[in-house]
């Protein structure tokens, strides 16, 4: 979790990582829930939590949907291979 000192009302939930062999056991959900609880306890001024994930990461999209997150925008990355 990233909590800007100058604007603690907007929290950023960065990566939620689960090793491949442990996926499918709700660990991503449990980690996100633990983070949300911790923020609620320690940063009562937090009003918005921003997170993101790849469009092809359907399991984490389902987790975010289940936790009440809503799409707020879309980011497109471009890549060119050299050589």
N, C-alpha and C. Protein backbone atom coordinates (compact mmCIF):
# COMPACT_ATOMS: atom_id res chain seq x y z
N UNK A 1 0.85 -1.17 0.00
CA UNK A 1 0.00 0.00 0.00
C UNK A 1 0.89 1.23 0.00
N UNK A 2 0.52 2.18 -0.82
CA UNK A 2 1.22 3.45 -0.87
C UNK A 2 0.30 4.55 -0.37
N UNK A 3 0.74 5.26 0.65
CA UNK A 3 -0.08 6.30 1.26
C UNK A 3 0.70 7.61 1.19
N UNK A 4 0.33 8.50 0.28
CA UNK A 4 1.05 9.77 0.16
C UNK A 4 0.89 10.61 1.43
N UNK A 5 1.97 11.08 1.97
CA UNK A 5 1.91 11.91 3.18
C UNK A 5 1.11 13.18 2.95
N UNK A 6 1.24 13.75 1.76
CA UNK A 6 0.55 15.02 1.46
C UNK A 6 -0.92 14.82 1.13
N UNK A 7 -1.33 13.60 0.83
CA UNK A 7 -2.73 13.34 0.45
C UNK A 7 -3.15 11.94 0.89
N UNK A 8 -3.23 11.69 2.21
CA UNK A 8 -3.53 10.35 2.70
C UNK A 8 -4.95 9.88 2.41
N UNK A 9 -5.78 10.77 1.87
CA UNK A 9 -7.14 10.34 1.52
C UNK A 9 -7.13 9.47 0.27
N UNK A 10 -6.04 9.48 -0.50
CA UNK A 10 -5.93 8.64 -1.71
C UNK A 10 -4.80 7.64 -1.51
N UNK A 11 -5.17 6.40 -1.37
CA UNK A 11 -4.22 5.30 -1.12
C UNK A 11 -4.05 4.51 -2.42
N UNK A 12 -2.85 3.99 -2.61
CA UNK A 12 -2.57 3.19 -3.79
C UNK A 12 -2.23 1.77 -3.37
N UNK A 13 -2.99 0.83 -3.88
CA UNK A 13 -2.72 -0.59 -3.62
C UNK A 13 -1.95 -1.10 -4.82
N UNK A 14 -0.67 -1.38 -4.61
CA UNK A 14 0.18 -1.77 -5.72
C UNK A 14 0.01 -3.25 -6.00
N UNK A 15 1.04 -3.94 -6.29
CA UNK A 15 0.95 -5.33 -6.73
C UNK A 15 0.48 -6.29 -5.63
N UNK A 16 -0.35 -7.23 -6.05
CA UNK A 16 -0.73 -8.36 -5.20
C UNK A 16 -0.15 -9.59 -5.88
N UNK A 17 0.88 -10.17 -5.30
CA UNK A 17 1.59 -11.27 -5.94
C UNK A 17 1.34 -12.59 -5.22
N UNK A 18 1.00 -13.60 -6.00
CA UNK A 18 0.82 -14.96 -5.48
C UNK A 18 1.58 -15.89 -6.41
N UNK A 19 2.45 -16.72 -5.84
CA UNK A 19 3.18 -17.67 -6.67
C UNK A 19 2.22 -18.59 -7.41
N UNK A 20 2.59 -18.95 -8.62
CA UNK A 20 1.72 -19.76 -9.48
C UNK A 20 1.20 -21.01 -8.78
N UNK A 21 2.08 -21.68 -8.06
CA UNK A 21 1.66 -22.94 -7.41
C UNK A 21 0.68 -22.72 -6.25
N UNK A 22 0.49 -21.48 -5.83
CA UNK A 22 -0.45 -21.19 -4.73
C UNK A 22 -1.71 -20.48 -5.20
N UNK A 23 -1.82 -20.27 -6.49
CA UNK A 23 -3.01 -19.59 -7.02
C UNK A 23 -4.23 -20.49 -6.94
N UNK A 24 -5.40 -19.86 -6.87
CA UNK A 24 -6.65 -20.62 -6.81
C UNK A 24 -7.08 -20.96 -5.40
N UNK A 25 -6.41 -20.39 -4.40
CA UNK A 25 -6.75 -20.67 -3.00
C UNK A 25 -7.21 -19.41 -2.27
N UNK A 26 -7.61 -18.38 -3.03
CA UNK A 26 -8.13 -17.13 -2.49
C UNK A 26 -7.07 -16.28 -1.78
N UNK A 27 -5.80 -16.56 -2.02
CA UNK A 27 -4.75 -15.79 -1.34
C UNK A 27 -4.76 -14.32 -1.77
N UNK A 28 -4.99 -14.06 -3.06
CA UNK A 28 -5.07 -12.67 -3.53
C UNK A 28 -6.18 -11.92 -2.81
N UNK A 29 -7.34 -12.58 -2.67
CA UNK A 29 -8.46 -11.96 -1.96
C UNK A 29 -8.10 -11.70 -0.51
N UNK A 30 -7.49 -12.68 0.14
CA UNK A 30 -7.14 -12.54 1.55
C UNK A 30 -6.10 -11.42 1.77
N UNK A 31 -5.13 -11.34 0.87
CA UNK A 31 -4.12 -10.28 0.99
C UNK A 31 -4.77 -8.91 0.81
N UNK A 32 -5.63 -8.78 -0.21
CA UNK A 32 -6.29 -7.49 -0.42
C UNK A 32 -7.19 -7.12 0.76
N UNK A 33 -7.92 -8.09 1.30
CA UNK A 33 -8.78 -7.81 2.46
C UNK A 33 -7.96 -7.37 3.66
N UNK A 34 -6.83 -8.03 3.90
CA UNK A 34 -5.96 -7.64 5.02
C UNK A 34 -5.45 -6.21 4.84
N UNK A 35 -5.08 -5.87 3.61
CA UNK A 35 -4.61 -4.50 3.34
C UNK A 35 -5.73 -3.49 3.55
N UNK A 36 -6.92 -3.79 3.07
CA UNK A 36 -8.05 -2.87 3.26
C UNK A 36 -8.35 -2.66 4.74
N UNK A 37 -8.31 -3.74 5.52
CA UNK A 37 -8.55 -3.62 6.97
C UNK A 37 -7.49 -2.75 7.62
N UNK A 38 -6.24 -2.97 7.24
CA UNK A 38 -5.14 -2.22 7.84
C UNK A 38 -5.26 -0.73 7.53
N UNK A 39 -5.60 -0.42 6.28
CA UNK A 39 -5.77 0.98 5.91
C UNK A 39 -6.93 1.60 6.70
N UNK A 40 -8.04 0.89 6.81
CA UNK A 40 -9.20 1.41 7.56
C UNK A 40 -8.83 1.71 9.01
N UNK A 41 -7.99 0.86 9.60
CA UNK A 41 -7.58 1.04 11.00
C UNK A 41 -6.57 2.17 11.18
N UNK A 42 -5.61 2.25 10.26
CA UNK A 42 -4.48 3.15 10.47
C UNK A 42 -4.53 4.45 9.68
N UNK A 43 -5.39 4.52 8.68
CA UNK A 43 -5.49 5.73 7.86
C UNK A 43 -6.98 6.08 7.72
N UNK A 44 -7.60 6.52 8.80
CA UNK A 44 -9.05 6.77 8.76
C UNK A 44 -9.45 7.86 7.76
N UNK A 45 -8.51 8.70 7.36
CA UNK A 45 -8.83 9.74 6.39
C UNK A 45 -8.85 9.21 4.94
N UNK A 46 -8.45 7.97 4.73
CA UNK A 46 -8.46 7.39 3.38
C UNK A 46 -9.89 7.30 2.86
N UNK A 47 -10.08 7.77 1.65
CA UNK A 47 -11.41 7.78 1.01
C UNK A 47 -11.44 6.99 -0.29
N UNK A 48 -10.28 6.88 -0.95
CA UNK A 48 -10.18 6.21 -2.24
C UNK A 48 -8.94 5.33 -2.22
N UNK A 49 -9.09 4.11 -2.70
CA UNK A 49 -7.95 3.22 -2.89
C UNK A 49 -7.90 2.88 -4.37
N UNK A 50 -6.80 3.25 -5.00
CA UNK A 50 -6.62 2.96 -6.42
C UNK A 50 -5.75 1.72 -6.58
N UNK A 51 -6.14 0.87 -7.50
CA UNK A 51 -5.37 -0.33 -7.82
C UNK A 51 -5.45 -0.52 -9.32
N UNK A 52 -4.71 -1.46 -9.84
CA UNK A 52 -4.72 -1.73 -11.27
C UNK A 52 -4.27 -3.15 -11.51
N UNK A 53 -4.58 -3.65 -12.67
CA UNK A 53 -4.08 -4.95 -13.09
C UNK A 53 -4.20 -5.07 -14.61
N UNK A 54 -3.50 -6.05 -15.14
CA UNK A 54 -3.52 -6.28 -16.58
C UNK A 54 -4.90 -6.76 -17.01
N UNK A 55 -5.31 -6.34 -18.19
CA UNK A 55 -6.63 -6.71 -18.71
C UNK A 55 -6.78 -8.22 -18.85
N UNK A 56 -5.68 -8.93 -19.06
CA UNK A 56 -5.76 -10.39 -19.22
C UNK A 56 -5.73 -11.15 -17.89
N UNK A 57 -5.64 -10.43 -16.77
CA UNK A 57 -5.59 -11.07 -15.46
C UNK A 57 -7.01 -11.22 -14.90
N UNK A 58 -7.78 -12.09 -15.52
CA UNK A 58 -9.18 -12.29 -15.14
C UNK A 58 -9.37 -12.67 -13.67
N UNK A 59 -8.51 -13.53 -13.10
CA UNK A 59 -8.71 -13.87 -11.67
C UNK A 59 -8.64 -12.65 -10.75
N UNK A 60 -7.67 -11.75 -10.99
CA UNK A 60 -7.57 -10.57 -10.11
C UNK A 60 -8.66 -9.56 -10.41
N UNK A 61 -9.11 -9.51 -11.65
CA UNK A 61 -10.25 -8.65 -11.97
C UNK A 61 -11.48 -9.13 -11.20
N UNK A 62 -11.67 -10.44 -11.11
CA UNK A 62 -12.79 -10.97 -10.33
C UNK A 62 -12.65 -10.63 -8.84
N UNK A 63 -11.44 -10.69 -8.32
CA UNK A 63 -11.21 -10.31 -6.92
C UNK A 63 -11.58 -8.85 -6.72
N UNK A 64 -11.07 -7.97 -7.59
CA UNK A 64 -11.36 -6.55 -7.45
C UNK A 64 -12.86 -6.28 -7.57
N UNK A 65 -13.52 -6.94 -8.51
CA UNK A 65 -14.97 -6.79 -8.66
C UNK A 65 -15.69 -7.22 -7.37
N UNK A 66 -15.30 -8.37 -6.84
CA UNK A 66 -15.94 -8.90 -5.63
C UNK A 66 -15.76 -7.97 -4.44
N UNK A 67 -14.64 -7.25 -4.40
CA UNK A 67 -14.37 -6.34 -3.29
C UNK A 67 -14.96 -4.95 -3.52
N UNK A 68 -15.67 -4.77 -4.63
CA UNK A 68 -16.37 -3.52 -4.86
C UNK A 68 -15.60 -2.49 -5.67
N UNK A 69 -14.45 -2.86 -6.22
CA UNK A 69 -13.70 -1.92 -7.05
C UNK A 69 -14.41 -1.73 -8.38
N UNK A 70 -14.29 -0.54 -8.92
CA UNK A 70 -14.92 -0.22 -10.20
C UNK A 70 -13.88 0.40 -11.13
N UNK A 71 -13.99 0.09 -12.40
CA UNK A 71 -13.06 0.63 -13.39
C UNK A 71 -13.19 2.14 -13.43
N UNK A 72 -12.04 2.81 -13.36
CA UNK A 72 -12.01 4.26 -13.37
C UNK A 72 -11.24 4.80 -14.58
N UNK A 73 -10.55 3.93 -15.27
CA UNK A 73 -9.77 4.36 -16.42
C UNK A 73 -9.02 3.18 -17.00
N UNK A 74 -8.29 3.46 -18.05
CA UNK A 74 -7.53 2.42 -18.72
C UNK A 74 -6.20 2.99 -19.15
N UNK A 75 -5.15 2.21 -18.98
CA UNK A 75 -3.81 2.62 -19.37
C UNK A 75 -3.33 1.64 -20.43
N UNK A 76 -2.79 2.17 -21.49
CA UNK A 76 -2.24 1.34 -22.56
C UNK A 76 -0.74 1.57 -22.62
N UNK A 77 0.01 0.49 -22.61
CA UNK A 77 1.46 0.56 -22.74
C UNK A 77 1.86 0.11 -24.13
N UNK A 78 2.79 0.80 -24.73
CA UNK A 78 3.30 0.44 -26.05
C UNK A 78 4.72 -0.06 -25.89
N UNK A 79 5.08 -1.01 -26.74
CA UNK A 79 6.41 -1.58 -26.68
C UNK A 79 6.91 -1.83 -28.09
N UNK A 80 8.17 -1.54 -28.33
CA UNK A 80 8.80 -1.86 -29.61
C UNK A 80 10.07 -2.62 -29.31
N UNK A 81 10.18 -3.77 -29.91
CA UNK A 81 11.40 -4.56 -29.75
C UNK A 81 12.47 -4.04 -30.71
N UNK A 82 13.65 -3.87 -30.22
CA UNK A 82 14.76 -3.40 -31.03
C UNK A 82 15.68 -4.57 -31.36
N UNK A 83 16.07 -4.64 -32.60
CA UNK A 83 17.02 -5.67 -33.02
C UNK A 83 16.44 -7.01 -33.32
